[in-house]
Amino acid sequence: MRKLTQLVLFSAVLLANPAFAEMKIAVLNYQMALLESDAAKKYAVDAEKKFGPQLNKLKTLESDAKRIQDRVSKEGEKMQQAERERLELEFKQKARDFQFQSKELNEAKAASDRDMLKQLKPKLDKAVEEVLKKGSYDLVLERGAVVDVKPQYDITRQVIERMNQLR
């Protein structure tokens, strides 16, 4: 609601003052510019290779736990007490292992993502700065703050292309 109010006020100011009519305005999706860059795509592939084995272990643990749970629920009443207790204990252990390994994977992935962002942010900032300077924009709005925009005012692709040129 606040953004809508700001947009309405901004539009009213633009319409009320002819000096604003000659302003050069652009919209930028900062997050998309970062994620669609070649470097971010390469990172995604590398991260998949790096964290894939851990993810596969988690999937195996999950399927093993589900298999045990299904067996206990289907055959539990027919099983001997010792067998059922053993399976329940095994299920709890797999669930604990899953939670622990899942937490470790999430933390490692988050740290890796932060490192990637730390490396890419200066390149993105430089690409944005160069595109803004080249276009001589008077006002640049974040895409999330805009309801709709014509494609010619969206400079996200230009920023992505410029970022891909920076090495």
Protein backbone atom coordinates (compact mmCIF):
# COMPACT_ATOMS: atom_id res chain seq x y z
CA MET A 1 0.00 0.00 0.00
CA ARG A 2 2.85 2.35 0.86
CA LYS A 3 4.54 1.73 -2.48
CA LEU A 4 1.28 2.34 -4.30
CA THR A 5 0.86 5.64 -2.47
CA GLN A 6 4.41 6.62 -3.36
CA LEU A 7 3.80 5.71 -6.98
CA VAL A 8 0.59 7.77 -7.12
CA LEU A 9 2.32 10.76 -5.52
CA PHE A 10 5.27 10.42 -7.87
CA SER A 11 2.95 10.23 -10.87
CA ALA A 12 1.05 13.30 -9.69
CA VAL A 13 4.29 15.26 -9.35
CA LEU A 14 5.34 14.19 -12.85
CA LEU A 15 2.06 15.32 -14.33
CA ALA A 16 1.94 18.57 -12.36
CA ASN A 17 5.36 19.85 -13.34
CA PRO A 18 6.35 20.01 -17.03
CA ALA A 19 10.05 20.00 -16.08
CA PHE A 20 9.66 16.38 -15.06
CA ALA A 21 8.30 15.48 -18.48
CA GLU A 22 11.82 15.49 -19.88
CA MET A 23 13.26 13.27 -17.18
CA LYS A 24 14.87 10.09 -18.36
CA ILE A 25 13.51 7.22 -16.25
CA ALA A 26 14.49 3.56 -16.16
CA VAL A 27 13.58 0.43 -14.24
CA LEU A 28 16.08 -2.18 -13.05
CA ASN A 29 15.49 -5.65 -11.65
CA TYR A 30 18.67 -5.84 -9.57
CA GLN A 31 18.14 -9.43 -8.45
CA MET A 32 17.43 -10.68 -11.97
CA ALA A 33 20.51 -8.86 -13.26
CA LEU A 34 22.59 -10.73 -10.71
CA LEU A 35 21.03 -14.17 -11.18
CA GLU A 36 20.90 -14.08 -14.99
CA SER A 37 24.56 -13.17 -15.40
CA ASP A 38 26.94 -15.73 -16.88
CA ALA A 39 28.93 -15.80 -13.65
CA ALA A 40 25.85 -16.63 -11.57
CA LYS A 41 24.79 -19.34 -13.99
CA LYS A 42 28.28 -20.85 -13.84
CA TYR A 43 28.14 -20.71 -10.05
CA ALA A 44 24.79 -22.54 -10.07
CA VAL A 45 26.28 -25.37 -12.16
CA ASP A 46 29.38 -25.54 -9.95
CA ALA A 47 27.25 -25.53 -6.79
CA GLU A 48 25.15 -28.36 -8.15
CA LYS A 49 28.31 -30.41 -8.73
CA LYS A 50 29.72 -29.46 -5.34
CA PHE A 51 26.57 -30.08 -3.28
CA GLY A 52 25.01 -32.80 -5.45
CA PRO A 53 26.52 -35.76 -3.57
CA GLN A 54 25.30 -34.39 -0.23
CA LEU A 55 21.85 -33.81 -1.68
CA ASN A 56 21.78 -37.38 -2.99
CA LYS A 57 22.69 -38.68 0.49
CA LEU A 58 19.80 -36.69 1.93
CA LYS A 59 17.40 -38.12 -0.65
CA THR A 60 18.60 -41.64 0.18
CA LEU A 61 18.15 -41.04 3.91
CA GLU A 62 14.68 -39.67 3.30
CA SER A 63 13.61 -42.61 1.15
CA ASP A 64 15.08 -45.10 3.64
CA ALA A 65 13.20 -43.47 6.50
CA LYS A 66 9.97 -43.43 4.49
CA ARG A 67 10.42 -47.10 3.59
CA ILE A 68 10.88 -48.00 7.26
CA GLN A 69 7.90 -45.90 8.29
CA ASP A 70 5.72 -47.51 5.63
CA ARG A 71 6.79 -50.99 6.71
CA VAL A 72 6.04 -50.27 10.37
CA SER A 73 2.63 -48.81 9.55
CA LYS A 74 1.68 -51.73 7.26
CA GLU A 75 3.20 -54.66 9.11
CA GLY A 76 3.59 -53.19 12.60
CA GLU A 77 0.78 -55.15 14.23
CA LYS A 78 2.04 -58.45 12.79
CA MET A 79 5.68 -57.88 13.81
CA GLN A 80 7.27 -59.06 16.97
CA GLN A 81 7.75 -56.32 19.56
CA ALA A 82 11.57 -56.44 19.27
CA GLU A 83 11.49 -56.09 15.46
CA ARG A 84 9.05 -53.16 15.61
CA GLU A 85 11.17 -51.40 18.25
CA ARG A 86 14.32 -51.96 16.20
CA LEU A 87 12.66 -50.44 13.11
CA GLU A 88 11.30 -47.49 15.09
CA LEU A 89 14.76 -46.87 16.51
CA GLU A 90 16.29 -47.11 13.03
CA PHE A 91 13.66 -44.66 11.73
CA LYS A 92 14.44 -42.16 14.50
CA GLN A 93 18.17 -42.44 13.77
CA LYS A 94 17.64 -41.84 10.06
CA ALA A 95 15.41 -38.86 10.84
CA ARG A 96 18.09 -37.39 13.13
CA ASP A 97 20.77 -38.00 10.50
CA PHE A 98 18.56 -36.35 7.89
CA GLN A 99 17.99 -33.27 10.04
CA PHE A 100 21.67 -32.94 10.91
CA GLN A 101 22.93 -33.41 7.36
CA SER A 102 20.20 -31.16 5.98
CA LYS A 103 21.23 -28.40 8.38
CA GLU A 104 24.90 -28.84 7.45
CA LEU A 105 24.09 -28.73 3.73
CA ASN A 106 21.95 -25.61 4.12
CA GLU A 107 24.67 -23.84 6.08
CA ALA A 108 27.38 -24.79 3.59
CA LYS A 109 25.22 -23.71 0.65
CA ALA A 110 24.35 -20.41 2.35
CA ALA A 111 28.03 -19.70 3.02
CA SER A 112 28.88 -20.52 -0.58
CA ASP A 113 26.06 -18.27 -1.81
CA ARG A 114 27.32 -15.40 0.37
CA ASP A 115 30.83 -15.83 -1.04
CA MET A 116 29.47 -15.79 -4.59
CA LEU A 117 27.44 -12.67 -3.88
CA LYS A 118 30.48 -11.01 -2.31
CA GLN A 119 32.43 -11.65 -5.53
CA LEU A 120 29.68 -10.69 -7.98
CA LYS A 121 28.24 -7.62 -6.26
CA PRO A 122 31.13 -5.28 -7.18
CA LYS A 123 30.86 -6.40 -10.84
CA LEU A 124 27.12 -5.86 -10.79
CA ASP A 125 27.47 -2.45 -9.18
CA LYS A 126 30.04 -1.45 -11.79
CA ALA A 127 27.83 -2.70 -14.64
CA VAL A 128 24.85 -0.79 -13.23
CA GLU A 129 26.92 2.35 -12.85
CA GLU A 130 28.21 2.13 -16.43
CA VAL A 131 24.75 1.54 -17.91
CA LEU A 132 23.30 4.42 -15.89
CA LYS A 133 26.08 6.74 -16.91
CA LYS A 134 25.82 5.75 -20.57
CA GLY A 135 22.04 6.21 -20.56
CA SER A 136 22.15 9.48 -18.60
CA TYR A 137 19.14 8.46 -16.51
CA ASP A 138 17.64 10.96 -14.10
CA LEU A 139 15.72 8.37 -12.12
CA VAL A 140 16.08 4.58 -11.79
CA LEU A 141 13.46 2.57 -9.94
CA GLU A 142 13.74 -0.98 -8.60
CA ARG A 143 11.46 -3.28 -10.62
CA GLY A 144 9.69 -4.45 -7.47
CA ALA A 145 8.46 -0.90 -6.81
CA VAL A 146 6.83 -0.62 -10.23
CA VAL A 147 3.48 -2.11 -11.15
CA ASP A 148 4.06 -2.20 -14.90
CA VAL A 149 6.73 -0.92 -17.23
CA LYS A 150 7.21 -0.81 -20.96
CA PRO A 151 10.17 -2.92 -22.10
CA GLN A 152 12.06 0.09 -23.48
CA TYR A 153 12.34 1.51 -19.93
CA ASP A 154 13.68 -1.70 -18.39
CA ILE A 155 17.50 -1.64 -18.39
CA THR A 156 17.97 -5.03 -16.72
CA ARG A 157 19.11 -6.79 -19.93
CA GLN A 158 21.63 -4.01 -20.63
CA VAL A 159 23.07 -4.45 -17.13
CA ILE A 160 23.29 -8.24 -17.59
CA GLU A 161 25.07 -7.82 -20.92
CA ARG A 162 27.48 -5.28 -19.44
CA MET A 163 28.17 -7.50 -16.45
CA ASN A 164 28.90 -10.44 -18.76
CA GLN A 165 31.42 -8.28 -20.62
CA LEU A 166 33.26 -7.46 -17.39
CA ARG A 167 35.75 -10.17 -16.53
